[in-house]
Amino acid sequence: MYVVIAGGGKVGWNLARELIDKGHEVTLIEQTRRRYLTIEEELEHAVQYGDATEMWVLERAGVQRAELVVAVTGDDEDNILICQMAREKYDIGRTIARVNNPRNRELFDLLGVAPVVSATDLILRLIEHEVPSFGLVHLLDLHAERLEIVEVEVTPSAPAAGLRVADVAMPEGSLIISILRKGAGFVPKGDTVIEAGDEVLIVLDPGLEEGITTLFAVEA
């Protein structure tokens, strides 16, 4: 696979190194001269100097034949622009963009730049997973489909504890898809009784998280 990476910061440099080690062809574009020279000592011809928001720089890097373009500069506007050019100008089917400021996430969605990666979001999900009292754990966000999959551990005082699945007043737009109990997972039936300590996986429309928490993760 041929990959063009825009941005030679720690993320871009390490990503290029890993991809090359796995046998992929990579061109990394870095616009800071000093940084470029440092990277060139290791990656040699796999790094080019220039501003990846300029078309001639992308074309010099061979973007026309790239199978994947990854934009990981420190500027969200640049990452959006690079991915848009890759898709619309050069018809690259796969792009990945880094979101530096989570507040800009909506802008990426609005402009159709996906998938995106946010270090802040990843760390937040780790915190959610490691601290059960945090409540819901977001397992998957399908922004284009406007769906989420969350995991929540049922607390002893939660309204859903002790109820059959069919009797739980789930918010409209949400559905229990699996239950993890004693290390094993299963798809529940309507007469399956939810127990305290169960980890329940739910698919839901965005915005229903509070209703789910109220049902499954109420503290005494």
C-alpha atoms as a PDB file:
ATOM      1  CA  MET A   1       0.000   0.000   0.000  1.00  0.00           C
ATOM      2  CA  TYR A   2       1.243   3.472  -0.851  1.00  0.00           C
ATOM      3  CA  VAL A   3       0.551   6.025   1.898  1.00  0.00           C
ATOM      4  CA  VAL A   4       1.087   9.789   1.903  1.00  0.00           C
ATOM      5  CA  ILE A   5       1.402  11.283   5.377  1.00  0.00           C
ATOM      6  CA  ALA A   6       1.113  15.043   5.878  1.00  0.00           C
ATOM      7  CA  GLY A   7       2.859  16.250   9.016  1.00  0.00           C
ATOM      8  CA  GLY A   8       6.218  15.122  10.392  1.00  0.00           C
ATOM      9  CA  GLY A   9       5.521  15.576  14.089  1.00  0.00           C
ATOM     10  CA  LYS A  10       5.879  12.677  16.519  1.00  0.00           C
ATOM     11  CA  VAL A  11       2.683  11.052  15.271  1.00  0.00           C
ATOM     12  CA  GLY A  12       3.528  11.366  11.587  1.00  0.00           C
ATOM     13  CA  TRP A  13       7.141  10.310  12.004  1.00  0.00           C
ATOM     14  CA  ASN A  14       6.311   7.261  14.142  1.00  0.00           C
ATOM     15  CA  LEU A  15       3.456   6.308  11.833  1.00  0.00           C
ATOM     16  CA  ALA A  16       5.740   6.477   8.804  1.00  0.00           C
ATOM     17  CA  ARG A  17       8.360   4.371  10.574  1.00  0.00           C
ATOM     18  CA  GLU A  18       5.822   1.697  11.556  1.00  0.00           C
ATOM     19  CA  LEU A  19       4.276   1.524   8.088  1.00  0.00           C
ATOM     20  CA  ILE A  20       7.684   1.228   6.421  1.00  0.00           C
ATOM     21  CA  ASP A  21       8.638  -1.541   8.855  1.00  0.00           C
ATOM     22  CA  LYS A  22       5.470  -3.388   7.823  1.00  0.00           C
ATOM     23  CA  GLY A  23       6.516  -3.220   4.187  1.00  0.00           C
ATOM     24  CA  HIS A  24       4.383  -0.317   2.973  1.00  0.00           C
ATOM     25  CA  GLU A  25       5.603   2.469   0.698  1.00  0.00           C
ATOM     26  CA  VAL A  26       5.374   5.832   2.436  1.00  0.00           C
ATOM     27  CA  THR A  27       6.027   9.463   1.657  1.00  0.00           C
ATOM     28  CA  LEU A  28       6.010  11.817   4.628  1.00  0.00           C
ATOM     29  CA  ILE A  29       5.621  15.559   3.975  1.00  0.00           C
ATOM     30  CA  GLU A  30       7.020  18.027   6.509  1.00  0.00           C
ATOM     31  CA  GLN A  31       6.976  21.794   6.060  1.00  0.00           C
ATOM     32  CA  THR A  32       9.495  22.779   8.731  1.00  0.00           C
ATOM     33  CA  ARG A  33      12.959  22.696   7.185  1.00  0.00           C
ATOM     34  CA  ARG A  34      14.821  21.802  10.360  1.00  0.00           C
ATOM     35  CA  ARG A  35      12.387  19.019  11.216  1.00  0.00           C
ATOM     36  CA  TYR A  36      12.523  17.705   7.668  1.00  0.00           C
ATOM     37  CA  LEU A  37      16.335  17.441   7.756  1.00  0.00           C
ATOM     38  CA  THR A  38      16.174  15.536  11.042  1.00  0.00           C
ATOM     39  CA  ILE A  39      13.640  13.046   9.697  1.00  0.00           C
ATOM     40  CA  GLU A  40      15.558  12.677   6.442  1.00  0.00           C
ATOM     41  CA  GLU A  41      18.541  11.309   8.342  1.00  0.00           C
ATOM     42  CA  GLU A  42      16.422   8.274   9.213  1.00  0.00           C
ATOM     43  CA  LEU A  43      13.801   7.964   6.496  1.00  0.00           C
ATOM     44  CA  GLU A  44      15.941   9.307   3.633  1.00  0.00           C
ATOM     45  CA  HIS A  45      13.922   9.445   0.392  1.00  0.00           C
ATOM     46  CA  ALA A  46      10.654   8.633   2.198  1.00  0.00           C
ATOM     47  CA  VAL A  47      10.328  12.230   3.418  1.00  0.00           C
ATOM     48  CA  GLN A  48       9.819  15.374   1.366  1.00  0.00           C
ATOM     49  CA  TYR A  49      10.011  19.030   2.316  1.00  0.00           C
ATOM     50  CA  GLY A  50       7.007  21.239   1.652  1.00  0.00           C
ATOM     51  CA  ASP A  51       3.544  22.438   2.622  1.00  0.00           C
ATOM     52  CA  ALA A  52       1.060  19.599   2.101  1.00  0.00           C
ATOM     53  CA  THR A  53      -1.804  22.070   1.638  1.00  0.00           C
ATOM     54  CA  GLU A  54      -0.286  23.000  -1.730  1.00  0.00           C
ATOM     55  CA  MET A  55      -1.285  20.801  -4.653  1.00  0.00           C
ATOM     56  CA  TRP A  56       2.108  20.755  -6.297  1.00  0.00           C
ATOM     57  CA  VAL A  57       3.648  19.425  -3.098  1.00  0.00           C
ATOM     58  CA  LEU A  58       1.084  16.622  -2.894  1.00  0.00           C
ATOM     59  CA  GLU A  59       1.580  15.809  -6.568  1.00  0.00           C
ATOM     60  CA  ARG A  60       5.346  15.722  -6.162  1.00  0.00           C
ATOM     61  CA  ALA A  61       4.770  13.196  -3.373  1.00  0.00           C
ATOM     62  CA  GLY A  62       2.745  11.066  -5.789  1.00  0.00           C
ATOM     63  CA  VAL A  63      -0.655  11.607  -4.224  1.00  0.00           C
ATOM     64  CA  GLN A  64      -2.328  10.559  -7.493  1.00  0.00           C
ATOM     65  CA  ARG A  65      -1.371   6.935  -6.878  1.00  0.00           C
ATOM     66  CA  ALA A  66      -1.783   6.939  -3.100  1.00  0.00           C
ATOM     67  CA  GLU A  67      -4.176   4.418  -1.604  1.00  0.00           C
ATOM     68  CA  LEU A  68      -4.365   6.281   1.685  1.00  0.00           C
ATOM     69  CA  VAL A  69      -3.708   9.887   2.739  1.00  0.00           C
ATOM     70  CA  VAL A  70      -3.191  10.622   6.425  1.00  0.00           C
ATOM     71  CA  ALA A  71      -3.258  14.245   7.631  1.00  0.00           C
ATOM     72  CA  VAL A  72      -1.669  14.581  11.075  1.00  0.00           C
ATOM     73  CA  THR A  73      -0.357  18.141  11.095  1.00  0.00           C
ATOM     74  CA  GLY A  74      -0.817  20.280  14.194  1.00  0.00           C
ATOM     75  CA  ASP A  75      -3.386  22.445  12.428  1.00  0.00           C
ATOM     76  CA  ASP A  76      -6.966  21.199  12.088  1.00  0.00           C
ATOM     77  CA  GLU A  77      -7.725  23.495   9.153  1.00  0.00           C
ATOM     78  CA  ASP A  78      -4.744  22.091   7.263  1.00  0.00           C
ATOM     79  CA  ASN A  79      -5.834  18.521   8.012  1.00  0.00           C
ATOM     80  CA  ILE A  80      -9.327  19.231   6.702  1.00  0.00           C
ATOM     81  CA  LEU A  81      -7.982  20.887   3.551  1.00  0.00           C
ATOM     82  CA  ILE A  82      -5.507  18.085   2.813  1.00  0.00           C
ATOM     83  CA  CYS A  83      -8.165  15.375   3.159  1.00  0.00           C
ATOM     84  CA  GLN A  84     -10.648  17.342   1.055  1.00  0.00           C
ATOM     85  CA  MET A  85      -8.081  17.810  -1.726  1.00  0.00           C
ATOM     86  CA  ALA A  86      -7.139  14.140  -1.586  1.00  0.00           C
ATOM     87  CA  ARG A  87     -10.759  13.046  -1.959  1.00  0.00           C
ATOM     88  CA  GLU A  88     -12.148  15.671  -4.331  1.00  0.00           C
ATOM     89  CA  LYS A  89      -9.133  16.584  -6.469  1.00  0.00           C
ATOM     90  CA  TYR A  90      -7.275  13.281  -6.597  1.00  0.00           C
ATOM     91  CA  ASP A  91     -10.150  10.847  -5.945  1.00  0.00           C
ATOM     92  CA  ILE A  92      -8.383   9.121  -3.050  1.00  0.00           C
ATOM     93  CA  GLY A  93     -10.909   6.782  -1.469  1.00  0.00           C
ATOM     94  CA  ARG A  94      -9.385   6.564   1.975  1.00  0.00           C
ATOM     95  CA  THR A  95      -8.248   9.436   4.172  1.00  0.00           C
ATOM     96  CA  ILE A  96      -7.642   9.736   7.899  1.00  0.00           C
ATOM     97  CA  ALA A  97      -7.438  13.079   9.689  1.00  0.00           C
ATOM     98  CA  ARG A  98      -6.148  14.030  13.106  1.00  0.00           C
ATOM     99  CA  VAL A  99      -8.340  16.296  15.250  1.00  0.00           C
ATOM    100  CA  ASN A 100      -6.164  18.420  17.515  1.00  0.00           C
ATOM    101  CA  ASN A 101      -8.961  20.377  19.169  1.00  0.00           C
ATOM    102  CA  PRO A 102     -12.059  18.253  20.010  1.00  0.00           C
ATOM    103  CA  ARG A 103     -14.187  21.381  19.603  1.00  0.00           C
ATOM    104  CA  ASN A 104     -13.425  21.200  15.880  1.00  0.00           C
ATOM    105  CA  ARG A 105     -14.866  17.686  15.602  1.00  0.00           C
ATOM    106  CA  GLU A 106     -18.197  19.022  14.338  1.00  0.00           C
ATOM    107  CA  LEU A 107     -16.406  20.976  11.613  1.00  0.00           C
ATOM    108  CA  PHE A 108     -14.759  17.789  10.326  1.00  0.00           C
ATOM    109  CA  ASP A 109     -18.162  16.062  10.349  1.00  0.00           C
ATOM    110  CA  LEU A 110     -19.843  19.000   8.646  1.00  0.00           C
ATOM    111  CA  LEU A 111     -17.302  18.966   5.831  1.00  0.00           C
ATOM    112  CA  GLY A 112     -17.452  15.197   5.455  1.00  0.00           C
ATOM    113  CA  VAL A 113     -13.870  14.558   6.534  1.00  0.00           C
ATOM    114  CA  ALA A 114     -13.813  11.065   8.057  1.00  0.00           C
ATOM    115  CA  PRO A 115     -12.621   9.030   9.735  1.00  0.00           C
ATOM    116  CA  VAL A 116     -10.920  11.277  12.250  1.00  0.00           C
ATOM    117  CA  VAL A 117      -8.716  10.510  15.236  1.00  0.00           C
ATOM    118  CA  SER A 118      -8.667  12.590  18.401  1.00  0.00           C
ATOM    119  CA  ALA A 119      -6.117  11.812  21.105  1.00  0.00           C
ATOM    120  CA  THR A 120      -8.336  13.583  23.634  1.00  0.00           C
ATOM    121  CA  ASP A 121     -11.295  11.352  22.793  1.00  0.00           C
ATOM    122  CA  LEU A 122      -9.141   8.209  22.967  1.00  0.00           C
ATOM    123  CA  ILE A 123      -7.816   9.107  26.410  1.00  0.00           C
ATOM    124  CA  LEU A 124     -11.315  10.004  27.607  1.00  0.00           C
ATOM    125  CA  ARG A 125     -12.567   6.565  26.555  1.00  0.00           C
ATOM    126  CA  LEU A 126      -9.726   4.909  28.413  1.00  0.00           C
ATOM    127  CA  ILE A 127     -10.724   6.881  31.515  1.00  0.00           C
ATOM    128  CA  GLU A 128     -14.337   5.807  31.050  1.00  0.00           C
ATOM    129  CA  HIS A 129     -13.242   2.185  30.775  1.00  0.00           C
ATOM    130  CA  GLU A 130     -10.853   2.249  33.722  1.00  0.00           C
ATOM    131  CA  VAL A 131     -13.186   4.155  36.059  1.00  0.00           C
ATOM    132  CA  PRO A 132     -16.544   2.307  36.163  1.00  0.00           C
ATOM    133  CA  SER A 133     -18.179   5.088  38.171  1.00  0.00           C
ATOM    134  CA  PHE A 134     -17.660   7.327  35.183  1.00  0.00           C
ATOM    135  CA  GLY A 135     -20.798   5.774  33.716  1.00  0.00           C
ATOM    136  CA  LEU A 136     -21.109   4.953  30.049  1.00  0.00           C
ATOM    137  CA  VAL A 137     -18.212   3.645  28.020  1.00  0.00           C
ATOM    138  CA  HIS A 138     -18.401   4.730  24.386  1.00  0.00           C
ATOM    139  CA  LEU A 139     -17.299   1.726  22.359  1.00  0.00           C
ATOM    140  CA  LEU A 140     -18.097   3.012  18.881  1.00  0.00           C
ATOM    141  CA  ASP A 141     -19.317   6.257  17.328  1.00  0.00           C
ATOM    142  CA  LEU A 142     -20.761   5.960  13.845  1.00  0.00           C
ATOM    143  CA  HIS A 143     -21.023   9.642  13.022  1.00  0.00           C
ATOM    144  CA  ALA A 144     -22.190   9.208   9.451  1.00  0.00           C
ATOM    145  CA  GLU A 145     -24.930   6.810  10.548  1.00  0.00           C
ATOM    146  CA  ARG A 146     -25.694   8.850  13.692  1.00  0.00           C
ATOM    147  CA  LEU A 147     -25.428   5.802  15.927  1.00  0.00           C
ATOM    148  CA  GLU A 148     -23.402   4.954  19.006  1.00  0.00           C
ATOM    149  CA  ILE A 149     -22.637   1.716  20.822  1.00  0.00           C
ATOM    150  CA  VAL A 150     -22.079   2.101  24.552  1.00  0.00           C
ATOM    151  CA  GLU A 151     -21.349  -0.222  27.442  1.00  0.00           C
ATOM    152  CA  VAL A 152     -22.722   0.360  30.907  1.00  0.00           C
ATOM    153  CA  GLU A 153     -22.361  -1.663  34.102  1.00  0.00           C
ATOM    154  CA  VAL A 154     -25.663  -2.193  35.912  1.00  0.00           C
ATOM    155  CA  THR A 155     -25.561  -0.876  39.460  1.00  0.00           C
ATOM    156  CA  PRO A 156     -27.530  -2.616  42.284  1.00  0.00           C
ATOM    157  CA  SER A 157     -29.881   0.346  42.705  1.00  0.00           C
ATOM    158  CA  ALA A 158     -30.494   0.897  38.997  1.00  0.00           C
ATOM    159  CA  PRO A 159     -34.159   0.702  37.876  1.00  0.00           C
ATOM    160  CA  ALA A 160     -33.240  -1.903  35.244  1.00  0.00           C
ATOM    161  CA  ALA A 161     -31.640  -4.297  37.762  1.00  0.00           C
ATOM    162  CA  GLY A 162     -33.899  -7.306  38.291  1.00  0.00           C
ATOM    163  CA  LEU A 163     -36.160  -6.504  35.322  1.00  0.00           C
ATOM    164  CA  ARG A 164     -36.697  -8.592  32.214  1.00  0.00           C
ATOM    165  CA  VAL A 165     -35.266  -7.011  29.089  1.00  0.00           C
ATOM    166  CA  ALA A 166     -38.783  -6.716  27.662  1.00  0.00           C
ATOM    167  CA  ASP A 167     -39.899  -4.734  30.728  1.00  0.00           C
ATOM    168  CA  VAL A 168     -37.110  -2.135  30.661  1.00  0.00           C
ATOM    169  CA  ALA A 169     -38.479   1.200  29.435  1.00  0.00           C
ATOM    170  CA  MET A 170     -35.692   1.895  26.977  1.00  0.00           C
ATOM    171  CA  PRO A 171     -35.644   5.391  25.444  1.00  0.00           C
ATOM    172  CA  GLU A 172     -36.962   5.399  21.881  1.00  0.00           C
ATOM    173  CA  GLY A 173     -33.979   5.027  19.582  1.00  0.00           C
ATOM    174  CA  SER A 174     -32.050   2.617  21.803  1.00  0.00           C
ATOM    175  CA  LEU A 175     -31.762  -1.164  21.947  1.00  0.00           C
ATOM    176  CA  ILE A 176     -29.976  -3.682  24.176  1.00  0.00           C
ATOM    177  CA  ILE A 177     -27.818  -5.808  21.866  1.00  0.00           C
ATOM    178  CA  SER A 178     -25.710  -7.869  24.274  1.00  0.00           C
ATOM    179  CA  ILE A 179     -25.048  -8.630  27.925  1.00  0.00           C
ATOM    180  CA  LEU A 180     -21.680  -9.559  29.400  1.00  0.00           C
ATOM    181  CA  ARG A 181     -22.023 -11.646  32.562  1.00  0.00           C
ATOM    182  CA  LYS A 182     -19.275 -13.502  34.457  1.00  0.00           C
ATOM    183  CA  GLY A 183     -16.869 -13.108  31.578  1.00  0.00           C
ATOM    184  CA  ALA A 184     -19.207 -14.373  28.870  1.00  0.00           C
ATOM    185  CA  GLY A 185     -21.384 -12.455  26.478  1.00  0.00           C
ATOM    186  CA  PHE A 186     -24.758 -13.367  25.002  1.00  0.00           C
ATOM    187  CA  VAL A 187     -27.601 -11.824  23.057  1.00  0.00           C
ATOM    188  CA  PRO A 188     -30.497 -11.409  25.495  1.00  0.00           C
ATOM    189  CA  LYS A 189     -34.077 -12.446  24.866  1.00  0.00           C
ATOM    190  CA  GLY A 190     -37.138 -10.601  26.051  1.00  0.00           C
ATOM    191  CA  ASP A 191     -37.383 -12.734  29.189  1.00  0.00           C
ATOM    192  CA  THR A 192     -33.698 -12.393  30.118  1.00  0.00           C
ATOM    193  CA  VAL A 193     -33.435 -10.857  33.583  1.00  0.00           C
ATOM    194  CA  ILE A 194     -30.857  -8.075  33.925  1.00  0.00           C
ATOM    195  CA  GLU A 195     -28.653  -8.502  36.984  1.00  0.00           C
ATOM    196  CA  ALA A 196     -26.597  -6.013  38.958  1.00  0.00           C
ATOM    197  CA  GLY A 197     -23.028  -6.217  37.715  1.00  0.00           C
ATOM    198  CA  ASP A 198     -24.034  -7.090  34.161  1.00  0.00           C
ATOM    199  CA  GLU A 199     -22.261  -5.116  31.466  1.00  0.00           C
ATOM    200  CA  VAL A 200     -24.913  -4.158  28.962  1.00  0.00           C
ATOM    201  CA  LEU A 201     -24.121  -3.166  25.384  1.00  0.00           C
ATOM    202  CA  ILE A 202     -26.609  -0.770  23.842  1.00  0.00           C
ATOM    203  CA  VAL A 203     -26.929   0.769  20.399  1.00  0.00           C
ATOM    204  CA  LEU A 204     -28.533   4.196  20.509  1.00  0.00           C
ATOM    205  CA  ASP A 205     -29.102   7.475  18.774  1.00  0.00           C
ATOM    206  CA  PRO A 206     -26.746  10.251  19.928  1.00  0.00           C
ATOM    207  CA  GLY A 207     -28.171  12.305  22.763  1.00  0.00           C
ATOM    208  CA  LEU A 208     -29.809   9.442  24.679  1.00  0.00           C
ATOM    209  CA  GLU A 209     -26.884   8.818  27.013  1.00  0.00           C
ATOM    210  CA  GLU A 210     -28.460  10.477  30.044  1.00  0.00           C
ATOM    211  CA  GLY A 211     -31.593   8.330  29.758  1.00  0.00           C
ATOM    212  CA  ILE A 212     -29.478   5.183  29.533  1.00  0.00           C
ATOM    213  CA  THR A 213     -27.430   6.178  32.569  1.00  0.00           C
ATOM    214  CA  THR A 214     -30.615   6.818  34.555  1.00  0.00           C
ATOM    215  CA  LEU A 215     -31.826   3.301  33.803  1.00  0.00           C
ATOM    216  CA  PHE A 216     -28.648   1.309  34.310  1.00  0.00           C
ATOM    217  CA  ALA A 217     -26.049   3.220  36.312  1.00  0.00           C
ATOM    218  CA  VAL A 218     -27.783   4.944  39.206  1.00  0.00           C
ATOM    219  CA  GLU A 219     -25.724   5.187  42.397  1.00  0.00           C
ATOM    220  CA  ALA A 220     -27.507   4.648  45.738  1.00  0.00           C
END
